[in-house]
Every structure is written in structure tokens, then in C-alpha cells.
Amino acid sequence: MENQTRTITVKVILAIVAFVFLSGIMILQVMSAIQSSTLISNVGTIRAIGVGAYWDASLTNRTTTINWGTLDPGTQKSFAIYVRTEGNSAITLSLNASNWNPSTASTYMTLSWDYNGQTINVSGNVRVTLTLTVSASITGISNFNFDIVIVGSG
């Protein structure tokens, strides 16, 4: 009788462990499905006017795109680039995000940078960090495109 009770107890414990384990897998799969439905991806095109945009401080690896990768709502991602004057006078920089596709993406996303307006001399360069921020309330957008326009004027 004692062996039967012990056997039944072991079976019940194993059944509970199996149920908890399988429930955990189901919860992880549901969470994974929820997360993948809210991921947003993009590759942004850089249009540099009067300046060059580079990945490296030695200014040898020019960039024309930024792959922001996969973004979650309510997050931000940053990339550092180097901007060099390519004209014959000192300049200051301006930044604009344009040609959003879909156009509603600009309602939920913001492009900013840490450039503080300093003058960049002829043949000079500055390191800037571009940051794309995605609103936590973004809906209906899983892919988007936009142009990052950096203008040197002076």
C-alpha cells in the first residue's frame, strides 16, 4: 500500500512538472509571437550635401546608408558617423529627415543628433551621433524608409 501511494505521488508530481514545463514553452511561444509582430525594420539613406559622411575617424569608409536594424516600440538606436567639409569655406551643419515611407512613420519616429552647431573649418570634420527614437504608441508600421539629409552651409 505504501509503495502504491508513493508511486501515485511520484506520478502526480511528474504530471505537475510536465504541465508547468509545457505551459512555460507555450507562454514563451506566445510572447515570441507578440514580440515579432511589433518589430520594425529600416535602412535609412544618407544624403550629404556639401559634406561627406563616413563611418571611421580616418574618413576612408564613406557611408550612404544606416541600417537601423530591428527596433521595438518605445526604443531608440544610435550610430556615430564623421562628417567632413568638402567645400572651400567653413560650414555649420543642419539635419533633416524627409521622404518618410509610409508618411505616417514620421508621426511615431524622431531623428536627432548631438551636433551642437560649432563651425567646421575647411577640410575639418566632426563626430556626430544620430539617434532614431520610436514611440511606444506606434501601430501599423513594420517597415519604413526615410532620407537622412545632412547639409553643410556657410
C-alpha atoms as a PDB file:
ATOM      1  CA  MET A   1       0.000   0.000   0.000  1.00  0.00           C
ATOM      2  CA  GLU A   2       2.822   2.376   0.871  1.00  0.00           C
ATOM      3  CA  ASN A   3       4.554   1.623  -2.474  1.00  0.00           C
ATOM      4  CA  GLN A   4       1.310   2.323  -4.375  1.00  0.00           C
ATOM      5  CA  THR A   5       0.865   5.652  -2.585  1.00  0.00           C
ATOM      6  CA  ARG A   6       4.468   6.579  -3.308  1.00  0.00           C
ATOM      7  CA  THR A   7       4.068   5.599  -6.983  1.00  0.00           C
ATOM      8  CA  ILE A   8       0.890   7.663  -7.313  1.00  0.00           C
ATOM      9  CA  THR A   9       2.572  10.626  -5.599  1.00  0.00           C
ATOM     10  CA  VAL A  10       5.565  10.426  -7.955  1.00  0.00           C
ATOM     11  CA  LYS A  11       3.259  10.234 -10.980  1.00  0.00           C
ATOM     12  CA  VAL A  12       1.263  13.243  -9.797  1.00  0.00           C
ATOM     13  CA  ILE A  13       4.451  15.245  -9.190  1.00  0.00           C
ATOM     14  CA  LEU A  14       5.796  14.293 -12.634  1.00  0.00           C
ATOM     15  CA  ALA A  15       2.492  15.279 -14.236  1.00  0.00           C
ATOM     16  CA  ILE A  16       2.591  18.674 -12.490  1.00  0.00           C
ATOM     17  CA  VAL A  17       6.218  19.248 -13.511  1.00  0.00           C
ATOM     18  CA  ALA A  18       5.415  18.282 -17.102  1.00  0.00           C
ATOM     19  CA  PHE A  19       2.383  20.604 -17.134  1.00  0.00           C
ATOM     20  CA  VAL A  20       4.390  23.550 -15.756  1.00  0.00           C
ATOM     21  CA  PHE A  21       7.228  22.906 -18.219  1.00  0.00           C
ATOM     22  CA  LEU A  22       4.913  22.638 -21.221  1.00  0.00           C
ATOM     23  CA  SER A  23       2.947  25.707 -20.104  1.00  0.00           C
ATOM     24  CA  GLY A  24       6.204  27.647 -19.920  1.00  0.00           C
ATOM     25  CA  ILE A  25       7.040  26.683 -23.502  1.00  0.00           C
ATOM     26  CA  MET A  26       3.583  27.756 -24.635  1.00  0.00           C
ATOM     27  CA  ILE A  27       3.951  31.105 -22.839  1.00  0.00           C
ATOM     28  CA  LEU A  28       7.368  31.680 -24.426  1.00  0.00           C
ATOM     29  CA  GLN A  29       5.974  30.889 -27.861  1.00  0.00           C
ATOM     30  CA  VAL A  30       3.075  33.317 -27.375  1.00  0.00           C
ATOM     31  CA  MET A  31       5.416  36.040 -26.114  1.00  0.00           C
ATOM     32  CA  SER A  32       7.726  35.442 -29.074  1.00  0.00           C
ATOM     33  CA  ALA A  33       4.810  35.767 -31.491  1.00  0.00           C
ATOM     34  CA  ILE A  34       3.728  39.004 -29.814  1.00  0.00           C
ATOM     35  CA  GLN A  35       7.218  40.473 -29.898  1.00  0.00           C
ATOM     36  CA  SER A  36       7.867  39.611 -33.533  1.00  0.00           C
ATOM     37  CA  SER A  37       4.630  41.297 -34.580  1.00  0.00           C
ATOM     38  CA  THR A  38       5.813  44.629 -33.130  1.00  0.00           C
ATOM     39  CA  LEU A  39       9.325  44.691 -34.550  1.00  0.00           C
ATOM     40  CA  ILE A  40      10.082  47.461 -37.023  1.00  0.00           C
ATOM     41  CA  SER A  41      12.949  47.446 -39.513  1.00  0.00           C
ATOM     42  CA  ASN A  42      14.538  50.029 -41.770  1.00  0.00           C
ATOM     43  CA  VAL A  43      17.572  51.068 -43.710  1.00  0.00           C
ATOM     44  CA  GLY A  44      17.927  54.865 -43.927  1.00  0.00           C
ATOM     45  CA  THR A  45      19.562  56.623 -46.877  1.00  0.00           C
ATOM     46  CA  ILE A  46      22.047  59.388 -46.089  1.00  0.00           C
ATOM     47  CA  ARG A  47      22.089  62.385 -48.426  1.00  0.00           C
ATOM     48  CA  ALA A  48      25.116  64.521 -47.616  1.00  0.00           C
ATOM     49  CA  ILE A  49      25.109  67.949 -49.284  1.00  0.00           C
ATOM     50  CA  GLY A  50      28.355  69.921 -49.177  1.00  0.00           C
ATOM     51  CA  VAL A  51      29.859  67.383 -46.797  1.00  0.00           C
ATOM     52  CA  GLY A  52      30.992  63.782 -46.704  1.00  0.00           C
ATOM     53  CA  ALA A  53      29.656  61.206 -44.236  1.00  0.00           C
ATOM     54  CA  TYR A  54      31.995  58.470 -43.010  1.00  0.00           C
ATOM     55  CA  TRP A  55      31.933  55.549 -40.583  1.00  0.00           C
ATOM     56  CA  ASP A  56      35.522  55.963 -39.429  1.00  0.00           C
ATOM     57  CA  ALA A  57      37.629  58.774 -37.932  1.00  0.00           C
ATOM     58  CA  SER A  58      40.229  58.346 -40.684  1.00  0.00           C
ATOM     59  CA  LEU A  59      37.496  59.301 -43.207  1.00  0.00           C
ATOM     60  CA  THR A  60      38.157  56.372 -45.529  1.00  0.00           C
ATOM     61  CA  ASN A  61      34.870  54.449 -45.265  1.00  0.00           C
ATOM     62  CA  ARG A  62      32.116  56.633 -46.747  1.00  0.00           C
ATOM     63  CA  THR A  63      28.553  55.792 -45.770  1.00  0.00           C
ATOM     64  CA  THR A  64      25.371  56.336 -47.741  1.00  0.00           C
ATOM     65  CA  THR A  65      23.026  54.233 -45.596  1.00  0.00           C
ATOM     66  CA  ILE A  66      22.359  53.390 -41.982  1.00  0.00           C
ATOM     67  CA  ASN A  67      20.877  50.002 -41.203  1.00  0.00           C
ATOM     68  CA  TRP A  68      18.877  50.740 -38.068  1.00  0.00           C
ATOM     69  CA  GLY A  69      18.185  47.021 -37.749  1.00  0.00           C
ATOM     70  CA  THR A  70      15.145  45.814 -35.879  1.00  0.00           C
ATOM     71  CA  LEU A  71      13.555  48.276 -33.491  1.00  0.00           C
ATOM     72  CA  ASP A  72      10.952  47.758 -30.782  1.00  0.00           C
ATOM     73  CA  PRO A  73       8.299  50.343 -29.946  1.00  0.00           C
ATOM     74  CA  GLY A  74       9.485  52.686 -27.199  1.00  0.00           C
ATOM     75  CA  THR A  75      13.185  52.234 -28.000  1.00  0.00           C
ATOM     76  CA  GLN A  76      15.932  54.159 -29.680  1.00  0.00           C
ATOM     77  CA  LYS A  77      19.094  53.293 -31.556  1.00  0.00           C
ATOM     78  CA  SER A  78      22.172  55.423 -32.209  1.00  0.00           C
ATOM     79  CA  PHE A  79      25.034  55.407 -34.706  1.00  0.00           C
ATOM     80  CA  ALA A  80      28.136  57.596 -34.731  1.00  0.00           C
ATOM     81  CA  ILE A  81      29.377  58.961 -38.043  1.00  0.00           C
ATOM     82  CA  TYR A  82      32.008  61.505 -39.058  1.00  0.00           C
ATOM     83  CA  VAL A  83      31.039  64.482 -41.200  1.00  0.00           C
ATOM     84  CA  ARG A  84      33.745  66.310 -43.187  1.00  0.00           C
ATOM     85  CA  THR A  85      33.616  69.594 -45.059  1.00  0.00           C
ATOM     86  CA  GLU A  86      34.109  69.148 -48.790  1.00  0.00           C
ATOM     87  CA  GLY A  87      33.995  72.772 -49.876  1.00  0.00           C
ATOM     88  CA  ASN A  88      36.296  75.798 -49.727  1.00  0.00           C
ATOM     89  CA  SER A  89      34.809  77.519 -46.679  1.00  0.00           C
ATOM     90  CA  ALA A  90      33.980  76.867 -43.054  1.00  0.00           C
ATOM     91  CA  ILE A  91      30.473  75.496 -42.524  1.00  0.00           C
ATOM     92  CA  THR A  92      27.832  74.618 -39.994  1.00  0.00           C
ATOM     93  CA  LEU A  93      25.593  71.582 -40.318  1.00  0.00           C
ATOM     94  CA  SER A  94      21.872  71.021 -40.405  1.00  0.00           C
ATOM     95  CA  LEU A  95      19.915  67.775 -40.206  1.00  0.00           C
ATOM     96  CA  ASN A  96      16.564  66.878 -41.703  1.00  0.00           C
ATOM     97  CA  ALA A  97      14.592  63.653 -42.051  1.00  0.00           C
ATOM     98  CA  SER A  98      12.489  63.558 -45.223  1.00  0.00           C
ATOM     99  CA  ASN A  99      10.645  61.280 -47.641  1.00  0.00           C
ATOM    100  CA  TRP A 100       9.145  59.099 -44.903  1.00  0.00           C
ATOM    101  CA  ASN A 101       7.526  55.983 -46.339  1.00  0.00           C
ATOM    102  CA  PRO A 102       4.901  55.387 -45.139  1.00  0.00           C
ATOM    103  CA  SER A 103       4.355  59.067 -44.389  1.00  0.00           C
ATOM    104  CA  THR A 104       2.732  58.207 -41.040  1.00  0.00           C
ATOM    105  CA  ALA A 105       6.100  56.883 -39.806  1.00  0.00           C
ATOM    106  CA  SER A 106       7.192  60.465 -39.115  1.00  0.00           C
ATOM    107  CA  THR A 107       4.364  60.714 -36.569  1.00  0.00           C
ATOM    108  CA  TYR A 108       5.911  57.926 -34.481  1.00  0.00           C
ATOM    109  CA  MET A 109       9.645  58.393 -35.063  1.00  0.00           C
ATOM    110  CA  THR A 110      12.144  61.133 -34.401  1.00  0.00           C
ATOM    111  CA  LEU A 111      15.656  61.548 -35.771  1.00  0.00           C
ATOM    112  CA  SER A 112      18.034  63.662 -33.688  1.00  0.00           C
ATOM    113  CA  TRP A 113      21.761  64.191 -33.246  1.00  0.00           C
ATOM    114  CA  ASP A 114      24.251  65.549 -30.764  1.00  0.00           C
ATOM    115  CA  TYR A 115      25.803  68.189 -33.054  1.00  0.00           C
ATOM    116  CA  ASN A 116      25.928  71.495 -31.169  1.00  0.00           C
ATOM    117  CA  GLY A 117      26.272  73.978 -34.045  1.00  0.00           C
ATOM    118  CA  GLN A 118      30.008  74.520 -33.954  1.00  0.00           C
ATOM    119  CA  THR A 119      31.732  75.786 -37.110  1.00  0.00           C
ATOM    120  CA  ILE A 120      33.712  73.178 -39.037  1.00  0.00           C
ATOM    121  CA  ASN A 121      36.765  74.581 -40.816  1.00  0.00           C
ATOM    122  CA  VAL A 122      37.857  73.736 -44.366  1.00  0.00           C
ATOM    123  CA  SER A 123      38.927  70.058 -44.503  1.00  0.00           C
ATOM    124  CA  GLY A 124      37.729  69.700 -40.905  1.00  0.00           C
ATOM    125  CA  ASN A 125      35.412  67.045 -39.542  1.00  0.00           C
ATOM    126  CA  VAL A 126      33.198  66.356 -36.582  1.00  0.00           C
ATOM    127  CA  ARG A 127      31.893  63.164 -34.991  1.00  0.00           C
ATOM    128  CA  VAL A 128      28.108  63.186 -34.596  1.00  0.00           C
ATOM    129  CA  THR A 129      25.751  60.611 -33.160  1.00  0.00           C
ATOM    130  CA  LEU A 130      22.451  60.113 -34.983  1.00  0.00           C
ATOM    131  CA  THR A 131      19.623  58.733 -32.838  1.00  0.00           C
ATOM    132  CA  LEU A 132      16.343  57.308 -34.087  1.00  0.00           C
ATOM    133  CA  THR A 133      13.620  57.179 -31.419  1.00  0.00           C
ATOM    134  CA  VAL A 134      10.473  55.080 -31.906  1.00  0.00           C
ATOM    135  CA  SER A 135       7.317  55.997 -29.993  1.00  0.00           C
ATOM    136  CA  ALA A 136       5.859  53.357 -27.689  1.00  0.00           C
ATOM    137  CA  SER A 137       2.462  54.016 -29.286  1.00  0.00           C
ATOM    138  CA  ILE A 138       3.490  53.160 -32.858  1.00  0.00           C
ATOM    139  CA  THR A 139       0.965  50.996 -34.703  1.00  0.00           C
ATOM    140  CA  GLY A 140       0.526  49.678 -38.222  1.00  0.00           C
ATOM    141  CA  ILE A 141       4.153  50.055 -39.326  1.00  0.00           C
ATOM    142  CA  SER A 142       6.512  47.111 -39.688  1.00  0.00           C
ATOM    143  CA  ASN A 143       8.871  48.543 -42.338  1.00  0.00           C
ATOM    144  CA  PHE A 144       9.699  52.117 -43.227  1.00  0.00           C
ATOM    145  CA  ASN A 145      12.164  54.227 -45.175  1.00  0.00           C
ATOM    146  CA  PHE A 146      13.338  57.796 -44.943  1.00  0.00           C
ATOM    147  CA  ASP A 147      16.184  60.019 -46.058  1.00  0.00           C
ATOM    148  CA  ILE A 148      18.673  61.469 -43.599  1.00  0.00           C
ATOM    149  CA  VAL A 149      19.728  64.805 -45.074  1.00  0.00           C
ATOM    150  CA  ILE A 150      22.896  66.429 -43.716  1.00  0.00           C
ATOM    151  CA  VAL A 151      23.670  69.834 -45.205  1.00  0.00           C
ATOM    152  CA  GLY A 152      26.862  71.843 -44.775  1.00  0.00           C
ATOM    153  CA  SER A 153      26.388  75.557 -45.349  1.00  0.00           C
ATOM    154  CA  GLY A 154      28.474  78.585 -44.665  1.00  0.00           C
END
